[in-house]
């Protein structure tokens, strides 16, 4: 496994998750600080932290979505990856719109979580400007047909294929076909990437 050098904060109420993630990330060279709840994380030196955050969605007391918004208000440069054992598309879409960089479902493996952290931390030093990404996003979405755009609008709103099919009076199979074509045309690897692309294209990136 390749070594990386990132500063990582982990916020999760499950001690087993904290221990396993800390061990995994320290083994590959990361500097890790863990927090058992959102309040202790928010009370840390967030304003001066430069790195990535692994933040659990469901925790006692202050939930992860609230912590996400408050943390980004303190330090807009934070790169947050949400983690959840109860994830769904709607929750992922909301997290991304609220400023998270990615959304990963438990149980997760090293080959999923480490690349996600790499992508998030790279944004701290990325040379590509937000404007350049906005232009690229608009170019990608311009390749879509009117029907594909209708499907896209509903997917990024977190609606499942069944609801999209009902609203557009088409079959679920047709929705799946459109979804595959949208991913291909925009060169996106996931719905999460499509959400970020749509936000940027709309000028809210």
N, C-alpha and C. Protein backbone atom coordinates (compact mmCIF):
# COMPACT_ATOMS: atom_id res chain seq x y z
N UNK A 1 0.84 -1.19 0.00
CA UNK A 1 0.00 0.00 0.00
C UNK A 1 0.88 1.25 0.00
N UNK A 2 0.59 2.19 -0.88
CA UNK A 2 1.41 3.39 -0.98
C UNK A 2 1.23 4.27 0.24
N UNK A 3 2.26 5.06 0.56
CA UNK A 3 2.22 5.95 1.71
C UNK A 3 1.80 7.34 1.27
N UNK A 4 0.97 7.96 2.07
CA UNK A 4 0.55 9.32 1.80
C UNK A 4 0.75 10.13 3.07
N UNK A 5 0.78 11.44 2.95
CA UNK A 5 1.05 12.28 4.11
C UNK A 5 -0.05 13.32 4.24
N UNK A 6 -1.12 12.97 4.91
CA UNK A 6 -2.25 13.88 5.09
C UNK A 6 -2.52 14.07 6.58
N UNK A 7 -3.05 15.23 6.91
CA UNK A 7 -3.57 15.47 8.26
C UNK A 7 -5.06 15.10 8.24
N UNK A 8 -5.45 14.18 9.10
CA UNK A 8 -6.82 13.68 9.08
C UNK A 8 -7.45 13.80 10.47
N UNK A 9 -8.68 14.30 10.51
CA UNK A 9 -9.50 14.24 11.72
C UNK A 9 -10.60 13.20 11.49
N UNK A 10 -10.82 12.33 12.46
CA UNK A 10 -11.91 11.36 12.39
C UNK A 10 -12.91 11.68 13.49
N UNK A 11 -14.18 11.81 13.12
CA UNK A 11 -15.23 12.11 14.10
C UNK A 11 -16.27 11.00 14.02
N UNK A 12 -16.31 10.15 15.05
CA UNK A 12 -17.23 9.00 15.06
C UNK A 12 -17.44 8.56 16.50
N UNK A 13 -18.67 8.22 16.85
CA UNK A 13 -18.96 7.82 18.23
C UNK A 13 -18.65 6.36 18.50
N UNK A 14 -18.28 5.60 17.46
CA UNK A 14 -17.98 4.18 17.61
C UNK A 14 -16.47 4.00 17.84
N UNK A 15 -16.04 3.58 19.04
CA UNK A 15 -14.61 3.42 19.32
C UNK A 15 -13.92 2.45 18.37
N UNK A 16 -14.64 1.41 17.95
CA UNK A 16 -14.05 0.42 17.04
C UNK A 16 -13.73 1.05 15.69
N UNK A 17 -14.62 1.92 15.22
CA UNK A 17 -14.39 2.62 13.95
C UNK A 17 -13.20 3.57 14.09
N UNK A 18 -13.15 4.32 15.19
CA UNK A 18 -12.03 5.23 15.42
C UNK A 18 -10.71 4.48 15.43
N UNK A 19 -10.67 3.36 16.14
CA UNK A 19 -9.43 2.59 16.25
C UNK A 19 -9.00 2.02 14.91
N UNK A 20 -9.94 1.43 14.17
CA UNK A 20 -9.59 0.78 12.90
C UNK A 20 -9.15 1.80 11.85
N UNK A 21 -9.86 2.93 11.79
CA UNK A 21 -9.49 3.96 10.82
C UNK A 21 -8.16 4.60 11.18
N UNK A 22 -7.95 4.85 12.47
CA UNK A 22 -6.68 5.44 12.91
C UNK A 22 -5.51 4.54 12.54
N UNK A 23 -5.66 3.24 12.82
CA UNK A 23 -4.60 2.28 12.49
C UNK A 23 -4.35 2.25 10.99
N UNK A 24 -5.43 2.17 10.20
CA UNK A 24 -5.30 2.12 8.75
C UNK A 24 -4.55 3.34 8.21
N UNK A 25 -4.93 4.52 8.68
CA UNK A 25 -4.37 5.75 8.12
C UNK A 25 -2.97 6.05 8.64
N UNK A 26 -2.71 5.74 9.90
CA UNK A 26 -1.36 5.95 10.43
C UNK A 26 -0.36 5.00 9.78
N UNK A 27 -0.83 3.81 9.42
CA UNK A 27 0.04 2.83 8.77
C UNK A 27 0.58 3.34 7.44
N UNK A 28 -0.20 4.18 6.75
CA UNK A 28 0.24 4.69 5.45
C UNK A 28 0.80 6.11 5.54
N UNK A 29 1.05 6.58 6.77
CA UNK A 29 1.76 7.84 6.92
C UNK A 29 0.95 9.05 7.29
N UNK A 30 -0.35 8.89 7.54
CA UNK A 30 -1.19 10.04 7.89
C UNK A 30 -1.01 10.42 9.36
N UNK A 31 -1.20 11.69 9.64
CA UNK A 31 -1.28 12.17 11.02
C UNK A 31 -2.76 12.24 11.39
N UNK A 32 -3.16 11.47 12.40
CA UNK A 32 -4.59 11.31 12.70
C UNK A 32 -4.93 11.85 14.09
N UNK A 33 -6.02 12.61 14.15
CA UNK A 33 -6.60 13.05 15.42
C UNK A 33 -8.05 12.58 15.43
N UNK A 34 -8.46 11.91 16.51
CA UNK A 34 -9.82 11.36 16.55
C UNK A 34 -10.67 12.06 17.61
N UNK A 35 -11.97 12.13 17.33
CA UNK A 35 -12.93 12.75 18.24
C UNK A 35 -14.15 11.83 18.37
N UNK A 36 -14.64 11.60 19.60
CA UNK A 36 -15.77 10.69 19.81
C UNK A 36 -17.14 11.33 19.58
N UNK A 37 -17.16 12.64 19.34
CA UNK A 37 -18.44 13.32 19.11
C UNK A 37 -18.20 14.65 18.39
N UNK A 38 -19.28 15.19 17.84
CA UNK A 38 -19.16 16.42 17.07
C UNK A 38 -18.79 17.63 17.89
N UNK A 39 -19.25 17.69 19.13
CA UNK A 39 -18.98 18.86 19.97
C UNK A 39 -17.50 19.02 20.26
N UNK A 40 -16.83 17.93 20.63
CA UNK A 40 -15.39 18.02 20.91
C UNK A 40 -14.61 18.39 19.66
N UNK A 41 -15.06 17.92 18.51
CA UNK A 41 -14.42 18.28 17.24
C UNK A 41 -14.58 19.78 16.97
N UNK A 42 -15.79 20.29 17.14
CA UNK A 42 -16.05 21.71 16.88
C UNK A 42 -15.31 22.61 17.86
N UNK A 43 -15.01 22.10 19.05
CA UNK A 43 -14.30 22.88 20.06
C UNK A 43 -12.79 22.80 19.92
N UNK A 44 -12.31 22.03 18.95
CA UNK A 44 -10.86 21.94 18.71
C UNK A 44 -10.40 23.14 17.89
N UNK A 45 -9.13 23.18 17.55
CA UNK A 45 -8.57 24.32 16.81
C UNK A 45 -8.89 24.20 15.32
N UNK A 46 -10.18 24.20 15.01
CA UNK A 46 -10.62 23.98 13.63
C UNK A 46 -10.17 25.08 12.68
N UNK A 47 -10.16 26.31 13.17
CA UNK A 47 -9.88 27.44 12.30
C UNK A 47 -8.51 27.33 11.65
N UNK A 48 -7.57 26.72 12.36
CA UNK A 48 -6.20 26.61 11.85
C UNK A 48 -5.87 25.23 11.30
N UNK A 49 -6.85 24.34 11.26
CA UNK A 49 -6.59 22.99 10.75
C UNK A 49 -6.56 22.97 9.23
N UNK A 50 -5.55 22.34 8.67
CA UNK A 50 -5.43 22.18 7.23
C UNK A 50 -5.34 20.69 6.93
N UNK A 51 -6.42 20.13 6.47
CA UNK A 51 -6.43 18.70 6.19
C UNK A 51 -7.83 18.23 5.88
N UNK A 52 -8.03 16.93 6.04
CA UNK A 52 -9.32 16.32 5.70
C UNK A 52 -10.01 15.78 6.95
N UNK A 53 -11.32 15.69 6.86
CA UNK A 53 -12.12 15.23 7.99
C UNK A 53 -12.99 14.06 7.55
N UNK A 54 -12.94 12.97 8.32
CA UNK A 54 -13.87 11.85 8.14
C UNK A 54 -14.95 12.02 9.20
N UNK A 55 -16.17 12.30 8.77
CA UNK A 55 -17.23 12.67 9.70
C UNK A 55 -18.42 11.73 9.59
N UNK A 56 -18.75 11.07 10.71
CA UNK A 56 -19.90 10.16 10.74
C UNK A 56 -21.20 10.96 10.69
N UNK A 57 -22.17 10.44 9.96
CA UNK A 57 -23.45 11.15 9.82
C UNK A 57 -24.29 11.04 11.09
N UNK A 58 -24.43 9.82 11.60
CA UNK A 58 -25.33 9.59 12.74
C UNK A 58 -24.53 9.43 14.03
N UNK A 59 -24.66 10.42 14.92
CA UNK A 59 -24.00 10.37 16.22
C UNK A 59 -24.95 10.91 17.28
N UNK A 60 -24.82 10.44 18.53
CA UNK A 60 -25.64 11.01 19.60
C UNK A 60 -25.34 12.49 19.77
N UNK A 61 -26.32 13.25 20.24
CA UNK A 61 -26.11 14.68 20.41
C UNK A 61 -26.18 15.39 19.07
N UNK A 62 -25.13 16.08 18.73
CA UNK A 62 -25.08 16.83 17.47
C UNK A 62 -24.78 15.88 16.31
N UNK A 63 -25.71 15.78 15.35
CA UNK A 63 -25.51 14.83 14.25
C UNK A 63 -24.50 15.37 13.24
N UNK A 64 -24.02 14.47 12.38
CA UNK A 64 -22.96 14.81 11.45
C UNK A 64 -23.30 15.93 10.48
N UNK A 65 -24.55 15.99 10.03
CA UNK A 65 -24.93 17.03 9.08
C UNK A 65 -24.84 18.42 9.71
N UNK A 66 -25.23 18.52 10.99
CA UNK A 66 -25.12 19.79 11.71
C UNK A 66 -23.65 20.15 11.94
N UNK A 67 -22.86 19.14 12.30
CA UNK A 67 -21.43 19.36 12.51
C UNK A 67 -20.76 19.83 11.22
N UNK A 68 -21.15 19.23 10.10
CA UNK A 68 -20.60 19.62 8.80
C UNK A 68 -20.81 21.11 8.55
N UNK A 69 -22.04 21.57 8.71
CA UNK A 69 -22.35 22.98 8.44
C UNK A 69 -21.61 23.91 9.40
N UNK A 70 -21.56 23.55 10.69
CA UNK A 70 -20.90 24.41 11.67
C UNK A 70 -19.38 24.43 11.45
N UNK A 71 -18.82 23.28 11.10
CA UNK A 71 -17.37 23.20 10.89
C UNK A 71 -16.95 24.04 9.69
N UNK A 72 -17.73 23.98 8.61
CA UNK A 72 -17.39 24.75 7.41
C UNK A 72 -17.60 26.25 7.64
N UNK A 73 -18.49 26.60 8.56
CA UNK A 73 -18.66 28.01 8.90
C UNK A 73 -17.43 28.53 9.65
N UNK A 74 -16.82 27.65 10.45
CA UNK A 74 -15.60 28.02 11.18
C UNK A 74 -14.40 28.05 10.25
N UNK A 75 -14.30 27.03 9.39
CA UNK A 75 -13.15 26.91 8.48
C UNK A 75 -13.63 26.42 7.12
N UNK A 76 -13.90 27.34 6.19
CA UNK A 76 -14.41 26.96 4.86
C UNK A 76 -13.45 26.10 4.05
N UNK A 77 -12.17 26.05 4.45
CA UNK A 77 -11.19 25.27 3.71
C UNK A 77 -11.20 23.79 4.08
N UNK A 78 -11.96 23.42 5.10
CA UNK A 78 -12.01 22.01 5.50
C UNK A 78 -12.52 21.14 4.35
N UNK A 79 -11.89 20.00 4.18
CA UNK A 79 -12.32 19.02 3.18
C UNK A 79 -12.93 17.85 3.93
N UNK A 80 -14.25 17.71 3.84
CA UNK A 80 -14.97 16.74 4.67
C UNK A 80 -15.50 15.57 3.83
N UNK A 81 -15.20 14.36 4.28
CA UNK A 81 -15.75 13.14 3.69
C UNK A 81 -16.72 12.55 4.71
N UNK A 82 -17.99 12.46 4.35
CA UNK A 82 -19.00 11.92 5.25
C UNK A 82 -18.98 10.39 5.20
N UNK A 83 -19.18 9.75 6.36
CA UNK A 83 -19.25 8.30 6.43
C UNK A 83 -20.53 7.90 7.16
N UNK A 84 -21.17 6.84 6.68
CA UNK A 84 -22.43 6.43 7.30
C UNK A 84 -22.73 4.96 7.05
N UNK A 85 -23.32 4.34 8.04
CA UNK A 85 -23.79 2.97 7.89
C UNK A 85 -25.23 2.92 7.44
N UNK A 86 -25.82 4.10 7.27
CA UNK A 86 -27.24 4.19 6.90
C UNK A 86 -27.41 5.14 5.72
N UNK A 87 -26.48 5.13 4.81
CA UNK A 87 -26.51 6.10 3.72
C UNK A 87 -27.59 5.83 2.69
N UNK A 88 -28.05 6.89 2.06
CA UNK A 88 -28.93 6.76 0.91
C UNK A 88 -28.64 7.93 -0.02
N UNK A 89 -29.21 7.89 -1.22
CA UNK A 89 -28.89 8.91 -2.21
C UNK A 89 -29.29 10.30 -1.72
N UNK A 90 -30.47 10.42 -1.13
CA UNK A 90 -30.94 11.72 -0.67
C UNK A 90 -30.00 12.32 0.37
N UNK A 91 -29.53 11.48 1.30
CA UNK A 91 -28.62 11.95 2.33
C UNK A 91 -27.29 12.38 1.73
N UNK A 92 -26.79 11.59 0.77
CA UNK A 92 -25.53 11.91 0.11
C UNK A 92 -25.64 13.23 -0.64
N UNK A 93 -26.74 13.42 -1.35
CA UNK A 93 -26.95 14.66 -2.10
C UNK A 93 -26.96 15.86 -1.16
N UNK A 94 -27.67 15.74 -0.03
CA UNK A 94 -27.74 16.85 0.92
C UNK A 94 -26.36 17.17 1.49
N UNK A 95 -25.59 16.12 1.83
CA UNK A 95 -24.25 16.34 2.38
C UNK A 95 -23.36 17.07 1.38
N UNK A 96 -23.42 16.66 0.12
CA UNK A 96 -22.60 17.29 -0.92
C UNK A 96 -23.03 18.73 -1.14
N UNK A 97 -24.32 18.98 -1.13
CA UNK A 97 -24.80 20.36 -1.31
C UNK A 97 -24.43 21.24 -0.12
N UNK A 98 -24.30 20.61 1.06
CA UNK A 98 -23.93 21.37 2.25
C UNK A 98 -22.42 21.57 2.37
N UNK A 99 -21.66 21.01 1.42
CA UNK A 99 -20.22 21.28 1.40
C UNK A 99 -19.30 20.10 1.57
N UNK A 100 -19.83 18.89 1.78
CA UNK A 100 -18.97 17.71 1.87
C UNK A 100 -18.33 17.42 0.52
N UNK A 101 -17.15 16.81 0.54
CA UNK A 101 -16.45 16.47 -0.70
C UNK A 101 -16.81 15.09 -1.21
N UNK A 102 -17.23 14.22 -0.30
CA UNK A 102 -17.58 12.85 -0.71
C UNK A 102 -18.45 12.22 0.38
N UNK A 103 -19.03 11.08 0.04
CA UNK A 103 -19.93 10.38 0.96
C UNK A 103 -19.66 8.89 0.79
N UNK A 104 -19.24 8.23 1.87
CA UNK A 104 -18.86 6.82 1.81
C UNK A 104 -19.69 6.02 2.80
N UNK A 105 -20.20 4.88 2.34
CA UNK A 105 -21.01 4.03 3.21
C UNK A 105 -20.15 2.98 3.92
N UNK A 106 -20.47 2.73 5.19
CA UNK A 106 -19.84 1.64 5.93
C UNK A 106 -20.47 0.32 5.52
N UNK A 107 -19.77 -0.80 5.64
CA UNK A 107 -18.36 -0.88 5.99
C UNK A 107 -17.49 -0.50 4.80
N UNK A 108 -16.40 0.20 5.05
CA UNK A 108 -15.57 0.66 3.95
C UNK A 108 -14.21 -0.04 3.97
N UNK A 109 -13.60 -0.08 2.81
CA UNK A 109 -12.30 -0.73 2.66
C UNK A 109 -11.24 0.33 2.35
N UNK A 110 -9.99 -0.04 2.56
CA UNK A 110 -8.89 0.89 2.33
C UNK A 110 -8.86 1.40 0.90
N UNK A 111 -9.19 0.52 -0.07
CA UNK A 111 -9.10 0.93 -1.47
C UNK A 111 -10.23 1.87 -1.87
N UNK A 112 -11.17 2.11 -0.97
CA UNK A 112 -12.23 3.09 -1.22
C UNK A 112 -11.98 4.37 -0.44
N UNK A 113 -11.67 4.22 0.84
CA UNK A 113 -11.57 5.41 1.68
C UNK A 113 -10.28 6.20 1.44
N UNK A 114 -9.18 5.51 1.14
CA UNK A 114 -7.91 6.23 0.93
C UNK A 114 -7.95 7.09 -0.34
N UNK A 115 -8.43 6.56 -1.48
CA UNK A 115 -8.56 7.43 -2.66
C UNK A 115 -9.51 8.60 -2.42
N UNK A 116 -10.57 8.38 -1.64
CA UNK A 116 -11.51 9.47 -1.34
C UNK A 116 -10.81 10.56 -0.55
N UNK A 117 -9.98 10.17 0.41
CA UNK A 117 -9.22 11.15 1.18
C UNK A 117 -8.18 11.85 0.32
N UNK A 118 -7.56 11.09 -0.57
CA UNK A 118 -6.59 11.68 -1.50
C UNK A 118 -7.25 12.79 -2.31
N UNK A 119 -8.42 12.49 -2.87
CA UNK A 119 -9.13 13.47 -3.71
C UNK A 119 -9.50 14.71 -2.89
N UNK A 120 -9.97 14.47 -1.67
CA UNK A 120 -10.39 15.59 -0.83
C UNK A 120 -9.21 16.47 -0.44
N UNK A 121 -8.11 15.83 -0.04
CA UNK A 121 -6.95 16.61 0.39
C UNK A 121 -6.26 17.32 -0.77
N UNK A 122 -6.34 16.74 -1.95
CA UNK A 122 -5.74 17.39 -3.11
C UNK A 122 -6.41 18.73 -3.39
N UNK A 123 -7.67 18.87 -3.00
CA UNK A 123 -8.37 20.13 -3.24
C UNK A 123 -7.77 21.27 -2.45
N UNK A 124 -7.03 20.95 -1.38
CA UNK A 124 -6.39 21.99 -0.59
C UNK A 124 -5.29 22.68 -1.38
N UNK A 125 -4.66 21.96 -2.28
CA UNK A 125 -3.54 22.51 -3.04
C UNK A 125 -3.80 22.48 -4.55
N UNK A 126 -5.03 22.23 -4.92
CA UNK A 126 -5.35 22.12 -6.34
C UNK A 126 -5.07 23.44 -7.06
N UNK A 127 -4.50 23.34 -8.24
CA UNK A 127 -4.20 24.52 -9.04
C UNK A 127 -5.38 24.93 -9.91
N UNK A 128 -6.27 23.97 -10.17
CA UNK A 128 -7.40 24.29 -11.03
C UNK A 128 -8.40 25.15 -10.28
N UNK A 129 -8.78 26.26 -10.84
CA UNK A 129 -9.68 27.19 -10.17
C UNK A 129 -11.12 26.71 -10.23
N UNK A 130 -11.94 27.26 -9.33
CA UNK A 130 -13.37 26.94 -9.34
C UNK A 130 -14.00 27.35 -10.66
N UNK A 131 -13.53 28.43 -11.23
CA UNK A 131 -14.09 28.91 -12.49
C UNK A 131 -13.82 27.92 -13.61
N UNK A 132 -12.62 27.36 -13.62
CA UNK A 132 -12.28 26.38 -14.65
C UNK A 132 -13.17 25.15 -14.54
N UNK A 133 -13.44 24.72 -13.30
CA UNK A 133 -14.31 23.57 -13.10
C UNK A 133 -15.74 23.89 -13.53
N UNK A 134 -16.16 25.13 -13.27
CA UNK A 134 -17.50 25.55 -13.68
C UNK A 134 -17.65 25.49 -15.19
N UNK A 135 -16.63 25.97 -15.91
CA UNK A 135 -16.67 25.94 -17.38
C UNK A 135 -16.70 24.50 -17.87
N UNK A 136 -15.87 23.64 -17.27
CA UNK A 136 -15.83 22.23 -17.67
C UNK A 136 -17.16 21.54 -17.40
N UNK A 137 -17.76 21.86 -16.26
CA UNK A 137 -19.05 21.26 -15.90
C UNK A 137 -20.13 21.66 -16.90
N UNK A 138 -20.15 22.93 -17.28
CA UNK A 138 -21.14 23.40 -18.25
C UNK A 138 -20.95 22.72 -19.60
N UNK A 139 -19.69 22.53 -20.00
CA UNK A 139 -19.41 21.85 -21.27
C UNK A 139 -19.88 20.41 -21.23
N UNK A 140 -19.66 19.73 -20.11
CA UNK A 140 -20.08 18.34 -19.97
C UNK A 140 -21.60 18.21 -20.01
N UNK A 141 -22.30 19.09 -19.31
CA UNK A 141 -23.76 19.01 -19.26
C UNK A 141 -24.39 19.42 -20.58
N UNK A 142 -23.68 20.23 -21.37
CA UNK A 142 -24.20 20.66 -22.67
C UNK A 142 -24.30 19.49 -23.65
N UNK A 143 -23.63 18.38 -23.35
CA UNK A 143 -23.67 17.20 -24.22
C UNK A 143 -24.97 16.41 -24.04
N UNK A 144 -25.71 16.71 -23.00
CA UNK A 144 -26.90 15.91 -22.68
C UNK A 144 -28.12 16.36 -23.48
N UNK A 145 -28.99 15.39 -23.78
CA UNK A 145 -30.25 15.70 -24.45
C UNK A 145 -31.22 16.31 -23.43
N UNK A 146 -32.34 16.83 -23.92
CA UNK A 146 -33.33 17.42 -23.02
C UNK A 146 -33.85 16.39 -22.03
N UNK A 147 -34.11 15.17 -22.50
CA UNK A 147 -34.61 14.11 -21.62
C UNK A 147 -33.55 13.73 -20.58
N UNK A 148 -32.30 13.65 -21.00
CA UNK A 148 -31.23 13.32 -20.06
C UNK A 148 -31.09 14.39 -18.99
N UNK A 149 -31.29 15.64 -19.38
CA UNK A 149 -31.24 16.73 -18.40
C UNK A 149 -32.39 16.62 -17.40
N UNK A 150 -33.56 16.19 -17.89
CA UNK A 150 -34.70 15.99 -16.99
C UNK A 150 -34.41 14.89 -15.98
N UNK A 151 -33.79 13.82 -16.45
CA UNK A 151 -33.42 12.72 -15.56
C UNK A 151 -32.35 13.20 -14.57
N UNK A 152 -31.36 13.93 -15.08
CA UNK A 152 -30.28 14.44 -14.23
C UNK A 152 -30.82 15.31 -13.09
N UNK A 153 -31.73 16.23 -13.43
CA UNK A 153 -32.30 17.13 -12.42
C UNK A 153 -32.89 16.33 -11.26
N UNK A 154 -33.55 15.25 -11.57
CA UNK A 154 -34.20 14.45 -10.53
C UNK A 154 -33.20 13.59 -9.76
N UNK A 155 -32.19 13.09 -10.46
CA UNK A 155 -31.17 12.28 -9.79
C UNK A 155 -30.40 13.12 -8.77
N UNK A 156 -30.03 14.34 -9.15
CA UNK A 156 -29.25 15.17 -8.22
C UNK A 156 -30.12 15.71 -7.08
N UNK A 157 -31.43 15.60 -7.23
CA UNK A 157 -32.33 15.94 -6.13
C UNK A 157 -32.50 14.77 -5.17
N UNK A 158 -31.81 13.66 -5.49
CA UNK A 158 -31.85 12.50 -4.60
C UNK A 158 -33.01 11.56 -4.83
N UNK A 159 -33.70 11.72 -5.95
CA UNK A 159 -34.87 10.86 -6.21
C UNK A 159 -34.43 9.50 -6.75
N UNK A 160 -34.99 8.40 -6.24
CA UNK A 160 -34.65 7.07 -6.74
C UNK A 160 -35.20 6.85 -8.15
N UNK A 161 -34.65 5.86 -8.83
CA UNK A 161 -35.05 5.58 -10.22
C UNK A 161 -36.56 5.40 -10.37
N UNK A 162 -37.19 4.75 -9.37
CA UNK A 162 -38.63 4.48 -9.44
C UNK A 162 -39.43 5.78 -9.50
N UNK A 163 -39.05 6.76 -8.70
CA UNK A 163 -39.75 8.05 -8.69
C UNK A 163 -39.48 8.83 -9.96
N UNK A 164 -38.23 8.79 -10.44
CA UNK A 164 -37.88 9.46 -11.69
C UNK A 164 -38.72 8.90 -12.83
N UNK A 165 -38.84 7.58 -12.87
CA UNK A 165 -39.62 6.92 -13.92
C UNK A 165 -41.08 7.36 -13.86
N UNK A 166 -41.64 7.42 -12.66
CA UNK A 166 -43.04 7.83 -12.48
C UNK A 166 -43.26 9.27 -12.94
N UNK A 167 -42.38 10.16 -12.53
CA UNK A 167 -42.55 11.58 -12.85
C UNK A 167 -42.41 11.86 -14.35
N UNK A 168 -41.58 11.08 -15.02
CA UNK A 168 -41.35 11.30 -16.45
C UNK A 168 -42.16 10.35 -17.33
N UNK A 169 -42.96 9.50 -16.68
CA UNK A 169 -43.80 8.53 -17.41
C UNK A 169 -42.98 7.63 -18.33
N UNK A 170 -41.86 7.14 -17.80
CA UNK A 170 -41.02 6.21 -18.54
C UNK A 170 -40.73 5.01 -17.63
N UNK A 171 -40.15 3.97 -18.19
CA UNK A 171 -39.87 2.77 -17.40
C UNK A 171 -38.59 2.96 -16.57
N UNK A 172 -38.48 2.14 -15.53
CA UNK A 172 -37.27 2.17 -14.71
C UNK A 172 -36.06 1.80 -15.55
N UNK A 173 -36.23 0.84 -16.45
CA UNK A 173 -35.13 0.43 -17.34
C UNK A 173 -34.65 1.62 -18.18
N UNK A 174 -35.60 2.44 -18.66
CA UNK A 174 -35.23 3.61 -19.46
C UNK A 174 -34.46 4.62 -18.60
N UNK A 175 -34.89 4.79 -17.35
CA UNK A 175 -34.17 5.69 -16.44
C UNK A 175 -32.73 5.20 -16.25
N UNK A 176 -32.57 3.89 -16.07
CA UNK A 176 -31.24 3.31 -15.89
C UNK A 176 -30.37 3.54 -17.12
N UNK A 177 -30.99 3.42 -18.31
CA UNK A 177 -30.26 3.66 -19.55
C UNK A 177 -29.82 5.12 -19.64
N UNK A 178 -30.74 6.03 -19.34
CA UNK A 178 -30.40 7.46 -19.35
C UNK A 178 -29.29 7.76 -18.34
N UNK A 179 -29.41 7.16 -17.18
CA UNK A 179 -28.41 7.39 -16.12
C UNK A 179 -27.02 6.96 -16.59
N UNK A 180 -26.94 5.79 -17.22
CA UNK A 180 -25.66 5.30 -17.73
C UNK A 180 -25.10 6.24 -18.80
N UNK A 181 -25.96 6.72 -19.68
CA UNK A 181 -25.51 7.63 -20.74
C UNK A 181 -25.06 8.97 -20.18
N UNK A 182 -25.76 9.44 -19.15
CA UNK A 182 -25.37 10.70 -18.51
C UNK A 182 -23.97 10.59 -17.91
N UNK A 183 -23.72 9.49 -17.20
CA UNK A 183 -22.40 9.27 -16.60
C UNK A 183 -21.33 9.20 -17.68
N UNK A 184 -21.66 8.52 -18.79
CA UNK A 184 -20.69 8.38 -19.88
C UNK A 184 -20.40 9.72 -20.54
N UNK A 185 -21.44 10.47 -20.86
CA UNK A 185 -21.27 11.75 -21.57
C UNK A 185 -20.55 12.80 -20.72
N UNK A 186 -20.84 12.79 -19.43
CA UNK A 186 -20.22 13.80 -18.56
C UNK A 186 -18.88 13.34 -17.99
N UNK A 187 -18.55 12.06 -18.23
CA UNK A 187 -17.31 11.46 -17.73
C UNK A 187 -17.27 11.46 -16.20
N UNK A 188 -18.45 11.41 -15.60
CA UNK A 188 -18.54 11.33 -14.14
C UNK A 188 -18.48 9.87 -13.70
N UNK A 189 -17.90 9.62 -12.54
CA UNK A 189 -17.77 8.25 -12.04
C UNK A 189 -18.89 7.85 -11.08
N UNK A 190 -19.68 8.84 -10.66
CA UNK A 190 -20.72 8.55 -9.67
C UNK A 190 -21.76 9.65 -9.68
N UNK A 191 -22.88 9.39 -8.99
CA UNK A 191 -23.91 10.41 -8.82
C UNK A 191 -23.34 11.58 -8.01
N UNK A 192 -22.46 11.27 -7.05
CA UNK A 192 -21.86 12.34 -6.24
C UNK A 192 -21.10 13.33 -7.13
N UNK A 193 -20.37 12.82 -8.11
CA UNK A 193 -19.65 13.70 -9.03
C UNK A 193 -20.63 14.51 -9.88
N UNK A 194 -21.74 13.89 -10.27
CA UNK A 194 -22.75 14.62 -11.04
C UNK A 194 -23.35 15.76 -10.23
N UNK A 195 -23.57 15.51 -8.94
CA UNK A 195 -24.11 16.57 -8.08
C UNK A 195 -23.16 17.75 -8.04
N UNK A 196 -21.86 17.48 -7.83
CA UNK A 196 -20.88 18.56 -7.79
C UNK A 196 -20.79 19.29 -9.12
N UNK A 197 -20.89 18.53 -10.21
CA UNK A 197 -20.85 19.12 -11.55
C UNK A 197 -22.04 20.04 -11.78
N UNK A 198 -23.22 19.57 -11.36
CA UNK A 198 -24.44 20.36 -11.54
C UNK A 198 -24.39 21.63 -10.70
N UNK A 199 -23.91 21.52 -9.47
CA UNK A 199 -23.78 22.69 -8.59
C UNK A 199 -22.84 23.71 -9.22
N UNK A 200 -21.71 23.24 -9.75
CA UNK A 200 -20.74 24.14 -10.38
C UNK A 200 -21.32 24.79 -11.63
N UNK A 201 -22.00 23.99 -12.45
CA UNK A 201 -22.58 24.51 -13.70
C UNK A 201 -23.64 25.57 -13.42
N UNK A 202 -24.31 25.44 -12.29
CA UNK A 202 -25.34 26.42 -11.91
C UNK A 202 -24.75 27.65 -11.26
N UNK A 203 -23.41 27.65 -11.12
CA UNK A 203 -22.74 28.82 -10.56
C UNK A 203 -22.72 28.89 -9.06
N UNK A 204 -22.90 27.70 -8.41
CA UNK A 204 -22.91 27.68 -6.95
C UNK A 204 -21.74 26.89 -6.40
N UNK A 205 -20.72 26.64 -7.24
CA UNK A 205 -19.60 25.83 -6.77
C UNK A 205 -18.69 26.58 -5.82
